[in-house]
Amino acid sequence: MDDAKLLVERVQTGVRMEKRLLKVLKAFAEYHDMTLGDLLEGIVLHAFDGKTPFSPVSLERIQELKRFYEFDLDSSASHRLKEIKARPARKRTADK
């Protein structure tokens, strides 16, 4: 296996995702002393190859984090998520 570093160009992105999912991901990245971006890149690269990115020990840690953050979704929810509509801002009355 070639351990040579690969030079890449990274870009800042703004993505929206389920709040508790993000908490689990950030906690898992922090546990492994890595950035959220590095974790997501690893997960996606493994998924693109049809491989699981997590060891059995990591999956146990993820289950613990999911319980801690009360995250009860699994892969069966992936195509059924619907965002809560934002509440309209309250109109301010002008002082006269």
PDB file of N, CA and C in Angstrom:
ATOM      1  N   MET A   1       0.849  -1.186   0.000  1.00  0.00           N
ATOM      2  CA  MET A   1       0.000   0.000   0.000  1.00  0.00           C
ATOM      3  C   MET A   1       0.882   1.231   0.000  1.00  0.00           C
ATOM      4  N   ASP A   2       0.572   2.180  -0.849  1.00  0.00           N
ATOM      5  CA  ASP A   2       1.354   3.400  -0.986  1.00  0.00           C
ATOM      6  C   ASP A   2       0.913   4.407   0.068  1.00  0.00           C
ATOM      7  N   ASP A   3       1.839   4.811   0.956  1.00  0.00           N
ATOM      8  CA  ASP A   3       1.520   5.763   2.015  1.00  0.00           C
ATOM      9  C   ASP A   3       1.864   7.198   1.630  1.00  0.00           C
ATOM     10  N   ALA A   4       2.167   7.431   0.354  1.00  0.00           N
ATOM     11  CA  ALA A   4       2.497   8.787  -0.086  1.00  0.00           C
ATOM     12  C   ALA A   4       1.285   9.693   0.092  1.00  0.00           C
ATOM     13  N   LYS A   5       1.536  10.917   0.515  1.00  0.00           N
ATOM     14  CA  LYS A   5       0.454  11.887   0.694  1.00  0.00           C
ATOM     15  C   LYS A   5      -0.073  12.321  -0.666  1.00  0.00           C
ATOM     16  N   LEU A   6      -1.371  12.508  -0.739  1.00  0.00           N
ATOM     17  CA  LEU A   6      -2.012  12.956  -1.972  1.00  0.00           C
ATOM     18  C   LEU A   6      -2.401  14.413  -1.802  1.00  0.00           C
ATOM     19  N   LEU A   7      -1.964  15.236  -2.715  1.00  0.00           N
ATOM     20  CA  LEU A   7      -2.295  16.648  -2.664  1.00  0.00           C
ATOM     21  C   LEU A   7      -3.682  16.863  -3.265  1.00  0.00           C
ATOM     22  N   VAL A   8      -4.527  17.561  -2.536  1.00  0.00           N
ATOM     23  CA  VAL A   8      -5.878  17.839  -3.002  1.00  0.00           C
ATOM     24  C   VAL A   8      -6.200  19.304  -2.768  1.00  0.00           C
ATOM     25  N   GLU A   9      -7.177  19.798  -3.488  1.00  0.00           N
ATOM     26  CA  GLU A   9      -7.673  21.153  -3.257  1.00  0.00           C
ATOM     27  C   GLU A   9      -9.010  21.030  -2.551  1.00  0.00           C
ATOM     28  N   ARG A  10      -9.098  21.600  -1.367  1.00  0.00           N
ATOM     29  CA  ARG A  10     -10.345  21.554  -0.613  1.00  0.00           C
ATOM     30  C   ARG A  10     -11.063  22.886  -0.746  1.00  0.00           C
ATOM     31  N   VAL A  11     -12.388  22.826  -0.703  1.00  0.00           N
ATOM     32  CA  VAL A  11     -13.208  24.031  -0.777  1.00  0.00           C
ATOM     33  C   VAL A  11     -14.150  24.060   0.411  1.00  0.00           C
ATOM     34  N   GLN A  12     -14.492  25.263   0.820  1.00  0.00           N
ATOM     35  CA  GLN A  12     -15.458  25.436   1.896  1.00  0.00           C
ATOM     36  C   GLN A  12     -16.847  25.198   1.327  1.00  0.00           C
ATOM     37  N   THR A  13     -17.659  24.471   2.060  1.00  0.00           N
ATOM     38  CA  THR A  13     -19.010  24.191   1.589  1.00  0.00           C
ATOM     39  C   THR A  13     -19.989  24.403   2.726  1.00  0.00           C
ATOM     40  N   GLY A  14     -21.160  24.751   2.369  1.00  0.00           N
ATOM     41  CA  GLY A  14     -22.224  24.879   3.363  1.00  0.00           C
ATOM     42  C   GLY A  14     -23.253  23.812   3.082  1.00  0.00           C
ATOM     43  N   VAL A  15     -23.329  22.843   3.953  1.00  0.00           N
ATOM     44  CA  VAL A  15     -24.322  21.784   3.778  1.00  0.00           C
ATOM     45  C   VAL A  15     -25.250  21.781   4.985  1.00  0.00           C
ATOM     46  N   ARG A  16     -26.476  21.383   4.751  1.00  0.00           N
ATOM     47  CA  ARG A  16     -27.448  21.293   5.829  1.00  0.00           C
ATOM     48  C   ARG A  16     -27.688  19.817   6.097  1.00  0.00           C
ATOM     49  N   MET A  17     -27.762  19.463   7.370  1.00  0.00           N
ATOM     50  CA  MET A  17     -28.088  18.088   7.726  1.00  0.00           C
ATOM     51  C   MET A  17     -28.800  18.056   9.061  1.00  0.00           C
ATOM     52  N   GLU A  18     -29.377  16.946   9.358  1.00  0.00           N
ATOM     53  CA  GLU A  18     -30.148  16.775  10.580  1.00  0.00           C
ATOM     54  C   GLU A  18     -29.263  17.110  11.782  1.00  0.00           C
ATOM     55  N   LYS A  19     -29.803  17.884  12.699  1.00  0.00           N
ATOM     56  CA  LYS A  19     -29.044  18.449  13.814  1.00  0.00           C
ATOM     57  C   LYS A  19     -28.371  17.389  14.689  1.00  0.00           C
ATOM     58  N   ARG A  20     -29.114  16.355  15.076  1.00  0.00           N
ATOM     59  CA  ARG A  20     -28.532  15.326  15.950  1.00  0.00           C
ATOM     60  C   ARG A  20     -27.492  14.487  15.215  1.00  0.00           C
ATOM     61  N   LEU A  21     -27.704  14.275  13.920  1.00  0.00           N
ATOM     62  CA  LEU A  21     -26.720  13.553  13.117  1.00  0.00           C
ATOM     63  C   LEU A  21     -25.397  14.312  13.114  1.00  0.00           C
ATOM     64  N   LEU A  22     -25.483  15.612  12.931  1.00  0.00           N
ATOM     65  CA  LEU A  22     -24.277  16.433  12.942  1.00  0.00           C
ATOM     66  C   LEU A  22     -23.574  16.354  14.294  1.00  0.00           C
ATOM     67  N   LYS A  23     -24.323  16.354  15.377  1.00  0.00           N
ATOM     68  CA  LYS A  23     -23.723  16.245  16.711  1.00  0.00           C
ATOM     69  C   LYS A  23     -22.969  14.927  16.867  1.00  0.00           C
ATOM     70  N   VAL A  24     -23.569  13.836  16.396  1.00  0.00           N
ATOM     71  CA  VAL A  24     -22.906  12.526  16.469  1.00  0.00           C
ATOM     72  C   VAL A  24     -21.628  12.532  15.634  1.00  0.00           C
ATOM     73  N   LEU A  25     -21.704  13.060  14.424  1.00  0.00           N
ATOM     74  CA  LEU A  25     -20.528  13.111  13.550  1.00  0.00           C
ATOM     75  C   LEU A  25     -19.406  13.951  14.156  1.00  0.00           C
ATOM     76  N   LYS A  26     -19.750  15.132  14.687  1.00  0.00           N
ATOM     77  CA  LYS A  26     -18.742  16.005  15.278  1.00  0.00           C
ATOM     78  C   LYS A  26     -18.104  15.347  16.492  1.00  0.00           C
ATOM     79  N   ALA A  27     -18.912  14.691  17.319  1.00  0.00           N
ATOM     80  CA  ALA A  27     -18.374  14.015  18.500  1.00  0.00           C
ATOM     81  C   ALA A  27     -17.469  12.853  18.103  1.00  0.00           C
ATOM     82  N   PHE A  28     -17.866  12.116  17.072  1.00  0.00           N
ATOM     83  CA  PHE A  28     -17.049  10.993  16.606  1.00  0.00           C
ATOM     84  C   PHE A  28     -15.722  11.495  16.031  1.00  0.00           C
ATOM     85  N   ALA A  29     -15.780  12.584  15.269  1.00  0.00           N
ATOM     86  CA  ALA A  29     -14.547  13.174  14.719  1.00  0.00           C
ATOM     87  C   ALA A  29     -13.648  13.650  15.855  1.00  0.00           C
ATOM     88  N   GLU A  30     -14.220  14.321  16.834  1.00  0.00           N
ATOM     89  CA  GLU A  30     -13.447  14.806  17.979  1.00  0.00           C
ATOM     90  C   GLU A  30     -12.815  13.644  18.737  1.00  0.00           C
ATOM     91  N   TYR A  31     -13.560  12.573  18.920  1.00  0.00           N
ATOM     92  CA  TYR A  31     -13.047  11.376  19.605  1.00  0.00           C
ATOM     93  C   TYR A  31     -11.793  10.846  18.914  1.00  0.00           C
ATOM     94  N   HIS A  32     -11.773  10.937  17.590  1.00  0.00           N
ATOM     95  CA  HIS A  32     -10.633  10.449  16.812  1.00  0.00           C
ATOM     96  C   HIS A  32      -9.636  11.560  16.472  1.00  0.00           C
ATOM     97  N   ASP A  33      -9.824  12.734  17.075  1.00  0.00           N
ATOM     98  CA  ASP A  33      -8.915  13.872  16.888  1.00  0.00           C
ATOM     99  C   ASP A  33      -8.734  14.204  15.403  1.00  0.00           C
ATOM    100  N   MET A  34      -9.871  14.310  14.716  1.00  0.00           N
ATOM    101  CA  MET A  34      -9.845  14.662  13.305  1.00  0.00           C
ATOM    102  C   MET A  34     -10.921  15.699  13.040  1.00  0.00           C
ATOM    103  N   THR A  35     -10.831  16.347  11.905  1.00  0.00           N
ATOM    104  CA  THR A  35     -11.842  17.340  11.563  1.00  0.00           C
ATOM    105  C   THR A  35     -13.091  16.640  11.034  1.00  0.00           C
ATOM    106  N   LEU A  36     -14.189  17.359  11.109  1.00  0.00           N
ATOM    107  CA  LEU A  36     -15.429  16.839  10.548  1.00  0.00           C
ATOM    108  C   LEU A  36     -15.271  16.599   9.048  1.00  0.00           C
ATOM    109  N   GLY A  37     -14.599  17.510   8.351  1.00  0.00           N
ATOM    110  CA  GLY A  37     -14.372  17.343   6.913  1.00  0.00           C
ATOM    111  C   GLY A  37     -13.586  16.083   6.593  1.00  0.00           C
ATOM    112  N   ASP A  38     -12.529  15.813   7.383  1.00  0.00           N
ATOM    113  CA  ASP A  38     -11.741  14.589   7.166  1.00  0.00           C
ATOM    114  C   ASP A  38     -12.596  13.343   7.385  1.00  0.00           C
ATOM    115  N   LEU A  39     -13.434  13.374   8.424  1.00  0.00           N
ATOM    116  CA  LEU A  39     -14.317  12.239   8.692  1.00  0.00           C
ATOM    117  C   LEU A  39     -15.274  12.019   7.534  1.00  0.00           C
ATOM    118  N   LEU A  40     -15.920  13.091   7.072  1.00  0.00           N
ATOM    119  CA  LEU A  40     -16.877  12.961   5.972  1.00  0.00           C
ATOM    120  C   LEU A  40     -16.207  12.478   4.687  1.00  0.00           C
ATOM    121  N   GLU A  41     -15.014  13.002   4.403  1.00  0.00           N
ATOM    122  CA  GLU A  41     -14.282  12.524   3.209  1.00  0.00           C
ATOM    123  C   GLU A  41     -14.027  11.024   3.309  1.00  0.00           C
ATOM    124  N   GLY A  42     -13.593  10.574   4.467  1.00  0.00           N
ATOM    125  CA  GLY A  42     -13.323   9.141   4.652  1.00  0.00           C
ATOM    126  C   GLY A  42     -14.566   8.299   4.482  1.00  0.00           C
ATOM    127  N   ILE A  43     -15.679   8.743   5.072  1.00  0.00           N
ATOM    128  CA  ILE A  43     -16.934   8.003   4.957  1.00  0.00           C
ATOM    129  C   ILE A  43     -17.356   7.899   3.493  1.00  0.00           C
ATOM    130  N   VAL A  44     -17.307   9.010   2.773  1.00  0.00           N
ATOM    131  CA  VAL A  44     -17.754   9.020   1.375  1.00  0.00           C
ATOM    132  C   VAL A  44     -16.823   8.189   0.495  1.00  0.00           C
ATOM    133  N   LEU A  45     -15.509   8.314   0.682  1.00  0.00           N
ATOM    134  CA  LEU A  45     -14.583   7.523  -0.137  1.00  0.00           C
ATOM    135  C   LEU A  45     -14.798   6.026   0.078  1.00  0.00           C
ATOM    136  N   HIS A  46     -15.027   5.620   1.318  1.00  0.00           N
ATOM    137  CA  HIS A  46     -15.327   4.204   1.581  1.00  0.00           C
ATOM    138  C   HIS A  46     -16.649   3.807   0.923  1.00  0.00           C
ATOM    139  N   ALA A  47     -17.673   4.655   1.063  1.00  0.00           N
ATOM    140  CA  ALA A  47     -18.982   4.336   0.481  1.00  0.00           C
ATOM    141  C   ALA A  47     -18.898   4.208  -1.035  1.00  0.00           C
ATOM    142  N   PHE A  48     -18.125   5.089  -1.668  1.00  0.00           N
ATOM    143  CA  PHE A  48     -17.971   5.023  -3.121  1.00  0.00           C
ATOM    144  C   PHE A  48     -17.346   3.704  -3.569  1.00  0.00           C
ATOM    145  N   ASP A  49     -16.540   3.097  -2.700  1.00  0.00           N
ATOM    146  CA  ASP A  49     -15.933   1.800  -3.010  1.00  0.00           C
ATOM    147  C   ASP A  49     -16.776   0.631  -2.519  1.00  0.00           C
ATOM    148  N   GLY A  50     -17.950   0.931  -1.937  1.00  0.00           N
ATOM    149  CA  GLY A  50     -18.818  -0.129  -1.431  1.00  0.00           C
ATOM    150  C   GLY A  50     -18.289  -0.764  -0.155  1.00  0.00           C
ATOM    151  N   LYS A  51     -17.486  -0.031   0.604  1.00  0.00           N
ATOM    152  CA  LYS A  51     -16.890  -0.552   1.837  1.00  0.00           C
ATOM    153  C   LYS A  51     -17.442   0.190   3.044  1.00  0.00           C
ATOM    154  N   THR A  52     -17.436  -0.492   4.175  1.00  0.00           N
ATOM    155  CA  THR A  52     -17.835   0.186   5.397  1.00  0.00           C
ATOM    156  C   THR A  52     -16.642   0.966   5.944  1.00  0.00           C
ATOM    157  N   PRO A  53     -16.861   2.206   6.360  1.00  0.00           N
ATOM    158  CA  PRO A  53     -15.747   3.007   6.871  1.00  0.00           C
ATOM    159  C   PRO A  53     -15.448   2.754   8.347  1.00  0.00           C
ATOM    160  N   PHE A  54     -16.276   1.929   9.019  1.00  0.00           N
ATOM    161  CA  PHE A  54     -16.148   1.796  10.464  1.00  0.00           C
ATOM    162  C   PHE A  54     -15.848   0.373  10.903  1.00  0.00           C
ATOM    163  N   SER A  55     -14.955   0.271  11.869  1.00  0.00           N
ATOM    164  CA  SER A  55     -14.661  -1.016  12.496  1.00  0.00           C
ATOM    165  C   SER A  55     -15.780  -1.351  13.479  1.00  0.00           C
ATOM    166  N   PRO A  56     -15.843  -2.588  13.947  1.00  0.00           N
ATOM    167  CA  PRO A  56     -16.855  -2.928  14.967  1.00  0.00           C
ATOM    168  C   PRO A  56     -16.738  -2.053  16.228  1.00  0.00           C
ATOM    169  N   VAL A  57     -15.532  -1.724  16.637  1.00  0.00           N
ATOM    170  CA  VAL A  57     -15.337  -0.861  17.810  1.00  0.00           C
ATOM    171  C   VAL A  57     -15.878   0.534  17.540  1.00  0.00           C
ATOM    172  N   SER A  58     -15.625   1.062  16.337  1.00  0.00           N
ATOM    173  CA  SER A  58     -16.141   2.380  15.975  1.00  0.00           C
ATOM    174  C   SER A  58     -17.668   2.378  15.925  1.00  0.00           C
ATOM    175  N   LEU A  59     -18.249   1.303  15.417  1.00  0.00           N
ATOM    176  CA  LEU A  59     -19.707   1.209  15.369  1.00  0.00           C
ATOM    177  C   LEU A  59     -20.310   1.202  16.771  1.00  0.00           C
ATOM    178  N   GLU A  60     -19.626   0.573  17.720  1.00  0.00           N
ATOM    179  CA  GLU A  60     -20.082   0.598  19.117  1.00  0.00           C
ATOM    180  C   GLU A  60     -20.033   2.020  19.663  1.00  0.00           C
ATOM    181  N   ARG A  61     -18.958   2.750  19.378  1.00  0.00           N
ATOM    182  CA  ARG A  61     -18.831   4.132  19.827  1.00  0.00           C
ATOM    183  C   ARG A  61     -19.945   4.985  19.217  1.00  0.00           C
ATOM    184  N   ILE A  62     -20.228   4.776  17.949  1.00  0.00           N
ATOM    185  CA  ILE A  62     -21.294   5.527  17.276  1.00  0.00           C
ATOM    186  C   ILE A  62     -22.637   5.246  17.942  1.00  0.00           C
ATOM    187  N   GLN A  63     -22.898   3.998  18.288  1.00  0.00           N
ATOM    188  CA  GLN A  63     -24.155   3.665  18.975  1.00  0.00           C
ATOM    189  C   GLN A  63     -24.251   4.394  20.312  1.00  0.00           C
ATOM    190  N   GLU A  64     -23.144   4.483  21.033  1.00  0.00           N
ATOM    191  CA  GLU A  64     -23.130   5.217  22.302  1.00  0.00           C
ATOM    192  C   GLU A  64     -23.436   6.703  22.068  1.00  0.00           C
ATOM    193  N   LEU A  65     -22.826   7.282  21.052  1.00  0.00           N
ATOM    194  CA  LEU A  65     -23.053   8.697  20.741  1.00  0.00           C
ATOM    195  C   LEU A  65     -24.496   8.930  20.287  1.00  0.00           C
ATOM    196  N   LYS A  66     -25.040   8.000  19.515  1.00  0.00           N
ATOM    197  CA  LYS A  66     -26.428   8.126  19.076  1.00  0.00           C
ATOM    198  C   LYS A  66     -27.369   8.121  20.281  1.00  0.00           C
ATOM    199  N   ARG A  67     -27.097   7.259  21.261  1.00  0.00           N
ATOM    200  CA  ARG A  67     -27.933   7.241  22.463  1.00  0.00           C
ATOM    201  C   ARG A  67     -27.779   8.553  23.233  1.00  0.00           C
ATOM    202  N   PHE A  68     -26.547   9.027  23.376  1.00  0.00           N
ATOM    203  CA  PHE A  68     -26.285  10.256  24.121  1.00  0.00           C
ATOM    204  C   PHE A  68     -27.025  11.442  23.512  1.00  0.00           C
ATOM    205  N   TYR A  69     -27.004  11.548  22.185  1.00  0.00           N
ATOM    206  CA  TYR A  69     -27.648  12.668  21.497  1.00  0.00           C
ATOM    207  C   TYR A  69     -29.090  12.367  21.084  1.00  0.00           C
ATOM    208  N   GLU A  70     -29.639  11.257  21.589  1.00  0.00           N
ATOM    209  CA  GLU A  70     -31.023  10.858  21.303  1.00  0.00           C
ATOM    210  C   GLU A  70     -31.315  10.845  19.809  1.00  0.00           C
ATOM    211  N   PHE A  71     -30.385  10.265  19.068  1.00  0.00           N
ATOM    212  CA  PHE A  71     -30.509  10.163  17.616  1.00  0.00           C
ATOM    213  C   PHE A  71     -31.011   8.766  17.277  1.00  0.00           C
ATOM    214  N   ASP A  72     -32.261   8.679  16.828  1.00  0.00           N
ATOM    215  CA  ASP A  72     -32.891   7.379  16.620  1.00  0.00           C
ATOM    216  C   ASP A  72     -33.114   7.018  15.154  1.00  0.00           C
ATOM    217  N   LEU A  73     -32.527   7.760  14.244  1.00  0.00           N
ATOM    218  CA  LEU A  73     -32.692   7.468  12.821  1.00  0.00           C
ATOM    219  C   LEU A  73     -31.662   6.446  12.354  1.00  0.00           C
ATOM    220  N   ASP A  74     -32.006   5.719  11.311  1.00  0.00           N
ATOM    221  CA  ASP A  74     -31.059   4.815  10.674  1.00  0.00           C
ATOM    222  C   ASP A  74     -31.164   4.980   9.159  1.00  0.00           C
ATOM    223  N   SER A  75     -30.506   4.117   8.415  1.00  0.00           N
ATOM    224  CA  SER A  75     -30.460   4.282   6.960  1.00  0.00           C
ATOM    225  C   SER A  75     -31.838   4.216   6.311  1.00  0.00           C
ATOM    226  N   SER A  76     -32.796   3.565   6.959  1.00  0.00           N
ATOM    227  CA  SER A  76     -34.137   3.491   6.363  1.00  0.00           C
ATOM    228  C   SER A  76     -34.815   4.861   6.308  1.00  0.00           C
ATOM    229  N   ALA A  77     -34.304   5.831   7.061  1.00  0.00           N
ATOM    230  CA  ALA A  77     -34.880   7.174   7.064  1.00  0.00           C
ATOM    231  C   ALA A  77     -34.289   8.072   5.982  1.00  0.00           C
ATOM    232  N   SER A  78     -33.260   7.619   5.306  1.00  0.00           N
ATOM    233  CA  SER A  78     -32.482   8.507   4.435  1.00  0.00           C
ATOM    234  C   SER A  78     -33.277   9.202   3.337  1.00  0.00           C
ATOM    235  N   HIS A  79     -34.308   8.572   2.812  1.00  0.00           N
ATOM    236  CA  HIS A  79     -35.077   9.195   1.732  1.00  0.00           C
ATOM    237  C   HIS A  79     -36.436   9.711   2.213  1.00  0.00           C
ATOM    238  N   ARG A  80     -36.621   9.732   3.535  1.00  0.00           N
ATOM    239  CA  ARG A  80     -37.908  10.158   4.073  1.00  0.00           C
ATOM    240  C   ARG A  80     -37.804  11.416   4.934  1.00  0.00           C
ATOM    241  N   LEU A  81     -36.616  11.988   5.066  1.00  0.00           N
ATOM    242  CA  LEU A  81     -36.437  13.152   5.923  1.00  0.00           C
ATOM    243  C   LEU A  81     -37.056  14.388   5.281  1.00  0.00           C
ATOM    244  N   LYS A  82     -37.780  15.129   6.072  1.00  0.00           N
ATOM    245  CA  LYS A  82     -38.391  16.370   5.596  1.00  0.00           C
ATOM    246  C   LYS A  82     -38.096  17.439   6.632  1.00  0.00           C
ATOM    247  N   GLU A  83     -37.595  18.546   6.165  1.00  0.00           N
ATOM    248  CA  GLU A  83     -37.209  19.625   7.062  1.00  0.00           C
ATOM    249  C   GLU A  83     -38.423  20.349   7.616  1.00  0.00           C
ATOM    250  N   ILE A  84     -38.351  20.700   8.896  1.00  0.00           N
ATOM    251  CA  ILE A  84     -39.384  21.501   9.531  1.00  0.00           C
ATOM    252  C   ILE A  84     -39.351  22.881   8.890  1.00  0.00           C
ATOM    253  N   LYS A  85     -40.499  23.384   8.513  1.00  0.00           N
ATOM    254  CA  LYS A  85     -40.542  24.713   7.909  1.00  0.00           C
ATOM    255  C   LYS A  85     -40.224  25.753   8.967  1.00  0.00           C
ATOM    256  N   ALA A  86     -39.422  26.716   8.575  1.00  0.00           N
ATOM    257  CA  ALA A  86     -39.054  27.794   9.490  1.00  0.00           C
ATOM    258  C   ALA A  86     -40.279  28.633   9.796  1.00  0.00           C
ATOM    259  N   ARG A  87     -40.348  29.081  11.031  1.00  0.00           N
ATOM    260  CA  ARG A  87     -41.448  29.961  11.416  1.00  0.00           C
ATOM    261  C   ARG A  87     -41.212  31.343  10.822  1.00  0.00           C
ATOM    262  N   PRO A  88     -42.266  31.985  10.359  1.00  0.00           N
ATOM    263  CA  PRO A  88     -42.074  33.336   9.821  1.00  0.00           C
ATOM    264  C   PRO A  88     -41.631  34.287  10.929  1.00  0.00           C
ATOM    265  N   ALA A  89     -40.796  35.221  10.575  1.00  0.00           N
ATOM    266  CA  ALA A  89     -40.314  36.203  11.538  1.00  0.00           C
ATOM    267  C   ALA A  89     -41.473  37.076  11.995  1.00  0.00           C
ATOM    268  N   ARG A  90     -41.450  37.405  13.278  1.00  0.00           N
ATOM    269  CA  ARG A  90     -42.488  38.297  13.793  1.00  0.00           C
ATOM    270  C   ARG A  90     -42.265  39.702  13.260  1.00  0.00           C
ATOM    271  N   LYS A  91     -43.360  40.323  12.880  1.00  0.00           N
ATOM    272  CA  LYS A  91     -43.267  41.702  12.372  1.00  0.00           C
ATOM    273  C   LYS A  91     -43.100  42.635  13.542  1.00  0.00           C
ATOM    274  N   ARG A  92     -42.173  43.544  13.404  1.00  0.00           N
ATOM    275  CA  ARG A  92     -41.965  44.553  14.433  1.00  0.00           C
ATOM    276  C   ARG A  92     -42.865  45.740  14.157  1.00  0.00           C
ATOM    277  N   THR A  93     -43.393  46.285  15.207  1.00  0.00           N
ATOM    278  CA  THR A  93     -44.198  47.500  15.027  1.00  0.00           C
ATOM    279  C   THR A  93     -43.296  48.702  15.195  1.00  0.00           C
ATOM    280  N   ALA A  94     -43.462  49.655  14.322  1.00  0.00           N
ATOM    281  CA  ALA A  94     -42.622  50.855  14.359  1.00  0.00           C
ATOM    282  C   ALA A  94     -43.061  51.738  15.524  1.00  0.00           C
ATOM    283  N   ASP A  95     -42.077  52.248  16.243  1.00  0.00           N
ATOM    284  CA  ASP A  95     -42.369  53.200  17.332  1.00  0.00           C
ATOM    285  C   ASP A  95     -42.706  54.548  16.716  1.00  0.00           C
ATOM    286  N   LYS A  96     -43.823  55.107  17.139  1.00  0.00           N
ATOM    287  CA  LYS A  96     -44.234  56.404  16.589  1.00  0.00           C
ATOM    288  C   LYS A  96     -44.315  57.421  17.674  1.00  0.00           C
TER     289      LYS A  96
END
